[in-house]
Amino acid sequence: IAGIFVSFFVIGIWHGANWTFIMV
């Protein structure tokens, strides 16, 4: 579960420097 969140945090922030992408 922690690995899932780390991976999708990277995928989110990869898209751009905005809290909206982190939220995604």
Full PDB file with SEQRES, HELIX, SHEET, SSBOND, CRYST1, ORIGX, SCALE, CONECT and MASTER records, all heavy atoms in Angstrom:
SEQRES   1 A   24  ILE ALA GLY ILE PHE VAL SER PHE PHE VAL ILE GLY ILE          
SEQRES   2 A   24  TRP HIS GLY ALA ASN TRP THR PHE ILE MET VAL                  
HELIX    1 AA1 ALA A    2  TRP A   14  1                                  13    
HELIX    2 AA2 TRP A   19  MET A   23  1                                   5    
CRYST1    1.000    1.000    1.000  90.00  90.00  90.00 P 1           1          
ORIGX1      1.000000  0.000000  0.000000        0.00000                         
ORIGX2      0.000000  1.000000  0.000000        0.00000                         
ORIGX3      0.000000  0.000000  1.000000        0.00000                         
SCALE1      1.000000  0.000000  0.000000        0.00000                         
SCALE2      0.000000  1.000000  0.000000        0.00000                         
SCALE3      0.000000  0.000000  1.000000        0.00000                         
ATOM      1  N   ILE A   1       0.827  -1.208   0.000  1.00  0.00           N  
ATOM      2  CA  ILE A   1       0.000   0.000   0.000  1.00  0.00           C  
ATOM      3  C   ILE A   1       0.864   1.261   0.000  1.00  0.00           C  
ATOM      4  O   ILE A   1       0.604   2.222  -0.734  1.00  0.00           O  
ATOM      5  CB  ILE A   1      -0.971  -0.009   1.197  1.00  0.00           C  
ATOM      6  CG1 ILE A   1      -2.009  -1.132   1.013  1.00  0.00           C  
ATOM      7  CG2 ILE A   1      -1.663   1.344   1.350  1.00  0.00           C  
ATOM      8  CD1 ILE A   1      -2.911  -1.337   2.190  1.00  0.00           C  
ATOM      9  N   ALA A   2       1.932   1.250   0.809  1.00  0.00           N  
ATOM     10  CA  ALA A   2       2.848   2.396   0.818  1.00  0.00           C  
ATOM     11  C   ALA A   2       3.508   2.557  -0.540  1.00  0.00           C  
ATOM     12  O   ALA A   2       3.663   3.683  -1.044  1.00  0.00           O  
ATOM     13  CB  ALA A   2       3.906   2.207   1.904  1.00  0.00           C  
ATOM     14  N   GLY A   3       3.878   1.436  -1.172  1.00  0.00           N  
ATOM     15  CA  GLY A   3       4.485   1.488  -2.501  1.00  0.00           C  
ATOM     16  C   GLY A   3       3.541   2.055  -3.541  1.00  0.00           C  
ATOM     17  O   GLY A   3       3.964   2.788  -4.448  1.00  0.00           O  
ATOM     18  N   ILE A   4       2.262   1.730  -3.416  1.00  0.00           N  
ATOM     19  CA  ILE A   4       1.255   2.274  -4.329  1.00  0.00           C  
ATOM     20  C   ILE A   4       1.201   3.793  -4.206  1.00  0.00           C  
ATOM     21  O   ILE A   4       1.205   4.514  -5.216  1.00  0.00           O  
ATOM     22  CB  ILE A   4      -0.132   1.660  -4.031  1.00  0.00           C  
ATOM     23  CG1 ILE A   4      -0.165   0.198  -4.472  1.00  0.00           C  
ATOM     24  CG2 ILE A   4      -1.241   2.455  -4.737  1.00  0.00           C  
ATOM     25  CD1 ILE A   4      -1.394  -0.562  -3.994  1.00  0.00           C  
ATOM     26  N   PHE A   5       1.166   4.298  -2.976  1.00  0.00           N  
ATOM     27  CA  PHE A   5       1.081   5.748  -2.777  1.00  0.00           C  
ATOM     28  C   PHE A   5       2.345   6.462  -3.236  1.00  0.00           C  
ATOM     29  O   PHE A   5       2.276   7.545  -3.832  1.00  0.00           O  
ATOM     30  CB  PHE A   5       0.768   6.074  -1.319  1.00  0.00           C  
ATOM     31  CG  PHE A   5      -0.681   6.045  -0.990  1.00  0.00           C  
ATOM     32  CD1 PHE A   5      -1.266   4.928  -0.416  1.00  0.00           C  
ATOM     33  CD2 PHE A   5      -1.500   7.129  -1.297  1.00  0.00           C  
ATOM     34  CE1 PHE A   5      -2.624   4.892  -0.128  1.00  0.00           C  
ATOM     35  CE2 PHE A   5      -2.856   7.109  -1.017  1.00  0.00           C  
ATOM     36  CZ  PHE A   5      -3.420   5.987  -0.434  1.00  0.00           C  
ATOM     37  N   VAL A   6       3.505   5.874  -2.980  1.00  0.00           N  
ATOM     38  CA  VAL A   6       4.756   6.477  -3.448  1.00  0.00           C  
ATOM     39  C   VAL A   6       4.769   6.544  -4.978  1.00  0.00           C  
ATOM     40  O   VAL A   6       5.110   7.578  -5.573  1.00  0.00           O  
ATOM     41  CB  VAL A   6       5.978   5.688  -2.937  1.00  0.00           C  
ATOM     42  CG1 VAL A   6       7.260   6.176  -3.615  1.00  0.00           C  
ATOM     43  CG2 VAL A   6       6.100   5.810  -1.425  1.00  0.00           C  
ATOM     44  N   SER A   7       4.371   5.458  -5.618  1.00  0.00           N  
ATOM     45  CA  SER A   7       4.364   5.407  -7.084  1.00  0.00           C  
ATOM     46  C   SER A   7       3.414   6.440  -7.672  1.00  0.00           C  
ATOM     47  O   SER A   7       3.765   7.151  -8.624  1.00  0.00           O  
ATOM     48  CB  SER A   7       3.965   4.000  -7.560  1.00  0.00           C  
ATOM     49  OG  SER A   7       4.880   3.035  -7.102  1.00  0.00           O  
ATOM     50  N   PHE A   8       2.218   6.554  -7.093  1.00  0.00           N  
ATOM     51  CA  PHE A   8       1.247   7.487  -7.667  1.00  0.00           C  
ATOM     52  C   PHE A   8       1.513   8.929  -7.255  1.00  0.00           C  
ATOM     53  O   PHE A   8       1.086   9.858  -7.962  1.00  0.00           O  
ATOM     54  CB  PHE A   8      -0.178   7.048  -7.335  1.00  0.00           C  
ATOM     55  CG  PHE A   8      -0.678   6.009  -8.287  1.00  0.00           C  
ATOM     56  CD1 PHE A   8      -0.609   4.665  -7.965  1.00  0.00           C  
ATOM     57  CD2 PHE A   8      -1.150   6.371  -9.526  1.00  0.00           C  
ATOM     58  CE1 PHE A   8      -1.028   3.704  -8.870  1.00  0.00           C  
ATOM     59  CE2 PHE A   8      -1.582   5.424 -10.443  1.00  0.00           C  
ATOM     60  CZ  PHE A   8      -1.518   4.079 -10.111  1.00  0.00           C  
ATOM     61  N   PHE A   9       2.232   9.127  -6.170  1.00  0.00           N  
ATOM     62  CA  PHE A   9       2.712  10.477  -5.888  1.00  0.00           C  
ATOM     63  C   PHE A   9       3.680  10.907  -6.981  1.00  0.00           C  
ATOM     64  O   PHE A   9       3.611  12.036  -7.484  1.00  0.00           O  
ATOM     65  CB  PHE A   9       3.394  10.541  -4.524  1.00  0.00           C  
ATOM     66  CG  PHE A   9       4.052  11.876  -4.259  1.00  0.00           C  
ATOM     67  CD1 PHE A   9       3.303  12.947  -3.799  1.00  0.00           C  
ATOM     68  CD2 PHE A   9       5.408  12.055  -4.496  1.00  0.00           C  
ATOM     69  CE1 PHE A   9       3.898  14.182  -3.573  1.00  0.00           C  
ATOM     70  CE2 PHE A   9       6.014  13.289  -4.270  1.00  0.00           C  
ATOM     71  CZ  PHE A   9       5.256  14.352  -3.805  1.00  0.00           C  
ATOM     72  N   VAL A  10       4.575  10.003  -7.374  1.00  0.00           N  
ATOM     73  CA  VAL A  10       5.528  10.299  -8.448  1.00  0.00           C  
ATOM     74  C   VAL A  10       4.786  10.546  -9.763  1.00  0.00           C  
ATOM     75  O   VAL A  10       5.093  11.498 -10.493  1.00  0.00           O  
ATOM     76  CB  VAL A  10       6.553   9.154  -8.605  1.00  0.00           C  
ATOM     77  CG1 VAL A  10       7.410   9.361  -9.858  1.00  0.00           C  
ATOM     78  CG2 VAL A  10       7.433   9.067  -7.370  1.00  0.00           C  
ATOM     79  N   ILE A  11       3.812   9.696 -10.071  1.00  0.00           N  
ATOM     80  CA  ILE A  11       3.038   9.889 -11.302  1.00  0.00           C  
ATOM     81  C   ILE A  11       2.316  11.222 -11.272  1.00  0.00           C  
ATOM     82  O   ILE A  11       2.278  11.942 -12.275  1.00  0.00           O  
ATOM     83  CB  ILE A  11       2.031   8.729 -11.491  1.00  0.00           C  
ATOM     84  CG1 ILE A  11       2.774   7.441 -11.862  1.00  0.00           C  
ATOM     85  CG2 ILE A  11       1.004   9.066 -12.577  1.00  0.00           C  
ATOM     86  CD1 ILE A  11       1.883   6.220 -11.971  1.00  0.00           C  
ATOM     87  N   GLY A  12       1.768  11.587 -10.114  1.00  0.00           N  
ATOM     88  CA  GLY A  12       1.060  12.862 -10.009  1.00  0.00           C  
ATOM     89  C   GLY A  12       1.981  14.042 -10.187  1.00  0.00           C  
ATOM     90  O   GLY A  12       1.750  14.897 -11.041  1.00  0.00           O  
ATOM     91  N   ILE A  13       3.060  14.098  -9.411  1.00  0.00           N  
ATOM     92  CA  ILE A  13       3.966  15.248  -9.464  1.00  0.00           C  
ATOM     93  C   ILE A  13       4.740  15.274 -10.768  1.00  0.00           C  
ATOM     94  O   ILE A  13       5.188  16.341 -11.221  1.00  0.00           O  
ATOM     95  CB  ILE A  13       4.934  15.239  -8.250  1.00  0.00           C  
ATOM     96  CG1 ILE A  13       5.564  16.619  -8.034  1.00  0.00           C  
ATOM     97  CG2 ILE A  13       5.989  14.177  -8.407  1.00  0.00           C  
ATOM     98  CD1 ILE A  13       4.604  17.682  -7.577  1.00  0.00           C  
ATOM     99  N   TRP A  14       4.914  14.120 -11.422  1.00  0.00           N  
ATOM    100  CA  TRP A  14       5.566  14.061 -12.731  1.00  0.00           C  
ATOM    101  C   TRP A  14       4.833  14.940 -13.733  1.00  0.00           C  
ATOM    102  O   TRP A  14       5.446  15.559 -14.599  1.00  0.00           O  
ATOM    103  CB  TRP A  14       5.596  12.607 -13.224  1.00  0.00           C  
ATOM    104  CG  TRP A  14       6.191  12.413 -14.590  1.00  0.00           C  
ATOM    105  CD1 TRP A  14       7.490  12.162 -14.897  1.00  0.00           C  
ATOM    106  CD2 TRP A  14       5.495  12.452 -15.848  1.00  0.00           C  
ATOM    107  NE1 TRP A  14       7.657  12.040 -16.253  1.00  0.00           N  
ATOM    108  CE2 TRP A  14       6.439  12.220 -16.857  1.00  0.00           C  
ATOM    109  CE3 TRP A  14       4.169  12.661 -16.208  1.00  0.00           C  
ATOM    110  CZ2 TRP A  14       6.095  12.182 -18.211  1.00  0.00           C  
ATOM    111  CZ3 TRP A  14       3.826  12.633 -17.541  1.00  0.00           C  
ATOM    112  CH2 TRP A  14       4.776  12.398 -18.535  1.00  0.00           C  
ATOM    113  N   HIS A  15       3.507  15.013 -13.588  1.00  0.00           N  
ATOM    114  CA  HIS A  15       2.715  15.775 -14.556  1.00  0.00           C  
ATOM    115  C   HIS A  15       2.891  17.284 -14.407  1.00  0.00           C  
ATOM    116  O   HIS A  15       2.627  18.023 -15.366  1.00  0.00           O  
ATOM    117  CB  HIS A  15       1.230  15.415 -14.424  1.00  0.00           C  
ATOM    118  CG  HIS A  15       0.876  14.114 -15.070  1.00  0.00           C  
ATOM    119  ND1 HIS A  15       0.978  12.907 -14.418  1.00  0.00           N  
ATOM    120  CD2 HIS A  15       0.431  13.824 -16.316  1.00  0.00           C  
ATOM    121  CE1 HIS A  15       0.605  11.931 -15.232  1.00  0.00           C  
ATOM    122  NE2 HIS A  15       0.269  12.455 -16.385  1.00  0.00           N  
ATOM    123  N   GLY A  16       3.291  17.759 -13.243  1.00  0.00           N  
ATOM    124  CA  GLY A  16       3.471  19.199 -13.120  1.00  0.00           C  
ATOM    125  C   GLY A  16       3.580  19.661 -11.685  1.00  0.00           C  
ATOM    126  O   GLY A  16       3.222  18.938 -10.741  1.00  0.00           O  
ATOM    127  N   ALA A  17       4.088  20.886 -11.521  1.00  0.00           N  
ATOM    128  CA  ALA A  17       4.283  21.474 -10.198  1.00  0.00           C  
ATOM    129  C   ALA A  17       3.005  22.176  -9.760  1.00  0.00           C  
ATOM    130  O   ALA A  17       2.882  23.400  -9.832  1.00  0.00           O  
ATOM    131  CB  ALA A  17       5.462  22.449 -10.224  1.00  0.00           C  
ATOM    132  N   ASN A  18       2.040  21.396  -9.327  1.00  0.00           N  
ATOM    133  CA  ASN A  18       0.764  21.946  -8.882  1.00  0.00           C  
ATOM    134  C   ASN A  18       0.112  20.944  -7.935  1.00  0.00           C  
ATOM    135  O   ASN A  18       0.195  19.733  -8.157  1.00  0.00           O  
ATOM    136  CB  ASN A  18      -0.158  22.222 -10.080  1.00  0.00           C  
ATOM    137  CG  ASN A  18      -1.323  23.120  -9.727  1.00  0.00           C  
ATOM    138  OD1 ASN A  18      -1.971  22.964  -8.693  1.00  0.00           O  
ATOM    139  ND2 ASN A  18      -1.613  24.076 -10.590  1.00  0.00           N  
ATOM    140  N   TRP A  19      -0.539  21.445  -6.895  1.00  0.00           N  
ATOM    141  CA  TRP A  19      -1.209  20.562  -5.952  1.00  0.00           C  
ATOM    142  C   TRP A  19      -2.324  19.764  -6.612  1.00  0.00           C  
ATOM    143  O   TRP A  19      -2.722  18.708  -6.107  1.00  0.00           O  
ATOM    144  CB  TRP A  19      -1.760  21.364  -4.776  1.00  0.00           C  
ATOM    145  CG  TRP A  19      -0.696  21.774  -3.816  1.00  0.00           C  
ATOM    146  CD1 TRP A  19      -0.127  23.003  -3.678  1.00  0.00           C  
ATOM    147  CD2 TRP A  19      -0.045  20.920  -2.867  1.00  0.00           C  
ATOM    148  NE1 TRP A  19       0.834  22.993  -2.695  1.00  0.00           N  
ATOM    149  CE2 TRP A  19       0.907  21.719  -2.176  1.00  0.00           C  
ATOM    150  CE3 TRP A  19      -0.163  19.575  -2.521  1.00  0.00           C  
ATOM    151  CZ2 TRP A  19       1.731  21.206  -1.177  1.00  0.00           C  
ATOM    152  CZ3 TRP A  19       0.646  19.060  -1.521  1.00  0.00           C  
ATOM    153  CH2 TRP A  19       1.579  19.865  -0.865  1.00  0.00           C  
ATOM    154  N   THR A  20      -2.836  20.247  -7.726  1.00  0.00           N  
ATOM    155  CA  THR A  20      -3.889  19.504  -8.429  1.00  0.00           C  
ATOM    156  C   THR A  20      -3.366  18.157  -8.919  1.00  0.00           C  
ATOM    157  O   THR A  20      -4.069  17.141  -8.839  1.00  0.00           O  
ATOM    158  CB  THR A  20      -4.413  20.311  -9.626  1.00  0.00           C  
ATOM    159  OG1 THR A  20      -3.316  20.665 -10.479  1.00  0.00           O  
ATOM    160  CG2 THR A  20      -5.106  21.579  -9.170  1.00  0.00           C  
ATOM    161  N   PHE A  21      -2.125  18.123  -9.407  1.00  0.00           N  
ATOM    162  CA  PHE A  21      -1.555  16.866  -9.891  1.00  0.00           C  
ATOM    163  C   PHE A  21      -1.216  15.933  -8.724  1.00  0.00           C  
ATOM    164  O   PHE A  21      -1.351  14.707  -8.847  1.00  0.00           O  
ATOM    165  CB  PHE A  21      -0.314  17.148 -10.733  1.00  0.00           C  
ATOM    166  CG  PHE A  21      -0.596  17.934 -11.983  1.00  0.00           C  
ATOM    167  CD1 PHE A  21       0.030  19.144 -12.205  1.00  0.00           C  
ATOM    168  CD2 PHE A  21      -1.502  17.475 -12.916  1.00  0.00           C  
ATOM    169  CE1 PHE A  21      -0.226  19.889 -13.355  1.00  0.00           C  
ATOM    170  CE2 PHE A  21      -1.777  18.199 -14.065  1.00  0.00           C  
ATOM    171  CZ  PHE A  21      -1.145  19.413 -14.280  1.00  0.00           C  
ATOM    172  N   ILE A  22      -0.777  16.509  -7.630  1.00  0.00           N  
ATOM    173  CA  ILE A  22      -0.535  15.689  -6.438  1.00  0.00           C  
ATOM    174  C   ILE A  22      -1.846  15.065  -5.970  1.00  0.00           C  
ATOM    175  O   ILE A  22      -1.890  13.892  -5.571  1.00  0.00           O  
ATOM    176  CB  ILE A  22       0.107  16.544  -5.326  1.00  0.00           C  
ATOM    177  CG1 ILE A  22       1.505  17.009  -5.762  1.00  0.00           C  
ATOM    178  CG2 ILE A  22       0.176  15.759  -4.016  1.00  0.00           C  
ATOM    179  CD1 ILE A  22       2.163  17.961  -4.793  1.00  0.00           C  
ATOM    180  N   MET A  23      -2.934  15.847  -6.041  1.00  0.00           N  
ATOM    181  CA  MET A  23      -4.247  15.333  -5.655  1.00  0.00           C  
ATOM    182  C   MET A  23      -4.668  14.183  -6.557  1.00  0.00           C  
ATOM    183  O   MET A  23      -5.259  13.190  -6.087  1.00  0.00           O  
ATOM    184  CB  MET A  23      -5.277  16.462  -5.724  1.00  0.00           C  
ATOM    185  CG  MET A  23      -6.635  16.087  -5.155  1.00  0.00           C  
ATOM    186  SD  MET A  23      -6.540  15.772  -3.361  1.00  0.00           S  
ATOM    187  CE  MET A  23      -8.242  15.396  -2.991  1.00  0.00           C  
ATOM    188  N   VAL A  24      -4.385  14.293  -7.845  1.00  0.00           N  
ATOM    189  CA  VAL A  24      -4.696  13.198  -8.772  1.00  0.00           C  
ATOM    190  C   VAL A  24      -3.964  11.929  -8.335  1.00  0.00           C  
ATOM    191  O   VAL A  24      -4.548  10.839  -8.286  1.00  0.00           O  
ATOM    192  CB  VAL A  24      -4.303  13.570 -10.217  1.00  0.00           C  
ATOM    193  CG1 VAL A  24      -4.403  12.352 -11.133  1.00  0.00           C  
ATOM    194  CG2 VAL A  24      -5.194  14.683 -10.748  1.00  0.00           C  
TER     195      VAL A  24                                                      
MASTER        0    0    0    2    0    0    0    6  194    1    0    2          
END                                                                             
